[in-house]
Structure formats: structure tokens, C-alpha cells
Amino acid sequence: MITKQILKDCIQLLQQQDEITKRLDLALSDFNSSFTVLETDKYTRQAFDKLLSLYINTYGLDLIGWWMYENVNKIIYNSDKTETDLTDINDFVEYMIDNYLIK
């Protein structure tokens, strides 16, 4: 079983890695390098997804990608016409554990 804190830590570490990768890619672009740094963290992301897939189902993994990379309001619209605001990482992680955990 994955805990809320471990899931939160994983997401935050991935966000930090993404920020480092963006800064490095920008710095290398000043040298007109054709090498893209985005390739360097491809394997980290694959390993992250494989490990998380032991605990979170496929829909949950997709939702993590949505939460991290889509530039939209982090709101889920439920079938009962209510909204779930997932802007805060703590709310997001709790929602993930409650709805997408493999049991």
C-alpha cells in the first residue's frame, strides 16, 4: 500500500526534476545544441510510472499527468453535478488514494 505522504513526495520530486530539466534545456539552447535534455529524464518518468502502477490504476496515472502538466483549472466535475477542487497537492493526493488506489 502506498501512503499519502509517499505519493505526495513522489509527485513533488517529479515536479522538481521537471523544473531542473527545463532550466538545463534552456541553458543548452543558448549553445544551439540539438541535444534535448527532455530525453534525459524519460527513463526516470518510465521508472516512476512502473513503480506507481503497482499502487495506482491506469486512470490514476493519467490523472497524475493531467494534474502535473495540463494548464487548466484542477477541478473534477462529478456525475452528481458537484465539483472537486484538486488545486492543492494535499487534496489531489487524497483524491488519488480514495479513488485510484489498487486494492
Protein backbone atom coordinates (compact mmCIF):
# COMPACT_ATOMS: atom_id res chain seq x y z
CA MET A 1 0.00 0.00 0.00
CA ILE A 2 1.24 3.48 -0.84
CA THR A 3 0.73 6.21 1.72
CA LYS A 4 -0.46 9.73 1.02
CA GLN A 5 2.91 11.12 2.07
CA ILE A 6 4.88 8.83 -0.23
CA LEU A 7 2.63 9.65 -3.20
CA LYS A 8 2.92 13.36 -2.42
CA ASP A 9 6.72 13.08 -2.13
CA CYS A 10 6.92 11.25 -5.48
CA ILE A 11 4.86 13.90 -7.25
CA GLN A 12 6.86 16.74 -5.72
CA LEU A 13 10.18 15.10 -6.64
CA LEU A 14 8.98 14.65 -10.21
CA GLN A 15 7.96 18.33 -10.31
CA GLN A 16 11.43 19.32 -9.07
CA GLN A 17 13.09 17.14 -11.73
CA ASP A 18 10.90 18.70 -14.41
CA GLU A 19 11.96 22.19 -13.31
CA ILE A 20 15.66 21.25 -13.40
CA THR A 21 15.22 19.70 -16.83
CA LYS A 22 13.54 22.85 -18.16
CA ARG A 23 16.32 25.08 -16.83
CA LEU A 24 19.04 22.83 -18.28
CA ASP A 25 17.28 22.64 -21.64
CA LEU A 26 17.03 26.44 -21.70
CA ALA A 27 20.71 26.84 -20.83
CA LEU A 28 21.75 24.42 -23.58
CA SER A 29 19.55 26.17 -26.11
CA ASP A 30 21.91 29.17 -25.78
CA PHE A 31 24.59 26.99 -27.36
CA ASN A 32 22.32 25.98 -30.26
CA SER A 33 22.57 22.40 -29.09
CA SER A 34 20.46 19.91 -30.97
CA PHE A 35 20.54 17.64 -27.89
CA THR A 36 17.35 17.82 -25.93
CA VAL A 37 17.55 17.42 -22.18
CA LEU A 38 13.98 16.22 -22.14
CA GLU A 39 15.31 12.84 -23.21
CA THR A 40 17.44 12.59 -20.08
CA ASP A 41 14.51 12.29 -17.71
CA LYS A 42 12.49 9.96 -19.96
CA TYR A 43 13.75 6.90 -18.10
CA THR A 44 13.11 8.47 -14.72
CA ARG A 45 9.49 9.05 -15.71
CA GLN A 46 9.16 5.48 -17.02
CA ALA A 47 10.53 4.07 -13.77
CA PHE A 48 8.21 6.32 -11.77
CA ASP A 49 5.20 5.14 -13.79
CA LYS A 50 6.14 1.46 -13.44
CA LEU A 51 6.53 1.70 -9.69
CA LEU A 52 3.35 3.71 -9.22
CA SER A 53 1.41 1.27 -11.42
CA LEU A 54 1.81 -1.24 -8.59
CA TYR A 55 -0.36 1.02 -6.42
CA ILE A 56 -2.35 3.34 -8.69
CA ASN A 57 -4.51 2.15 -11.60
CA THR A 58 -4.08 3.37 -15.18
CA TYR A 59 -6.72 6.08 -14.86
CA GLY A 60 -4.95 7.41 -11.79
CA LEU A 61 -1.62 7.53 -13.61
CA ASP A 62 -3.28 9.52 -16.39
CA LEU A 63 -4.75 11.85 -13.79
CA ILE A 64 -1.29 12.48 -12.33
CA GLY A 65 -0.12 13.53 -15.79
CA TRP A 66 -3.15 15.79 -16.16
CA TRP A 67 -2.55 17.37 -12.77
CA MET A 68 1.14 17.95 -13.36
CA TYR A 69 1.27 19.02 -17.00
CA GLU A 70 -2.07 20.41 -18.18
CA ASN A 71 -2.50 24.15 -17.84
CA VAL A 72 -6.15 24.02 -16.72
CA ASN A 73 -8.11 24.52 -13.53
CA LYS A 74 -7.55 21.44 -11.41
CA ILE A 75 -11.25 20.74 -10.90
CA ILE A 76 -13.04 17.42 -11.36
CA TYR A 77 -16.70 17.61 -12.34
CA ASN A 78 -18.55 14.71 -10.75
CA SER A 79 -21.58 12.89 -12.17
CA ASP A 80 -23.75 14.26 -9.33
CA LYS A 81 -23.01 17.80 -10.63
CA THR A 82 -20.62 18.61 -7.77
CA GLU A 83 -17.06 19.80 -8.21
CA THR A 84 -13.90 18.57 -6.55
CA ASP A 85 -11.13 21.16 -6.42
CA LEU A 86 -7.74 19.45 -6.72
CA THR A 87 -5.59 22.57 -6.95
CA ASP A 88 -3.80 21.82 -3.68
CA ILE A 89 -1.45 18.83 -3.80
CA ASN A 90 -2.81 17.50 -0.49
CA ASP A 91 -6.36 17.44 -1.88
CA PHE A 92 -5.11 15.83 -5.09
CA VAL A 93 -3.20 13.09 -3.26
CA GLU A 94 -6.16 12.34 -1.01
CA TYR A 95 -8.44 12.13 -4.06
CA MET A 96 -5.97 9.76 -5.74
CA ILE A 97 -5.75 7.48 -2.69
CA ASP A 98 -9.54 7.46 -2.27
CA ASN A 99 -10.36 6.78 -5.93
CA TYR A 100 -7.50 5.22 -7.85
CA LEU A 101 -5.63 3.01 -5.42
CA ILE A 102 -5.26 -0.63 -6.43
CA LYS A 103 -6.58 -2.65 -3.53
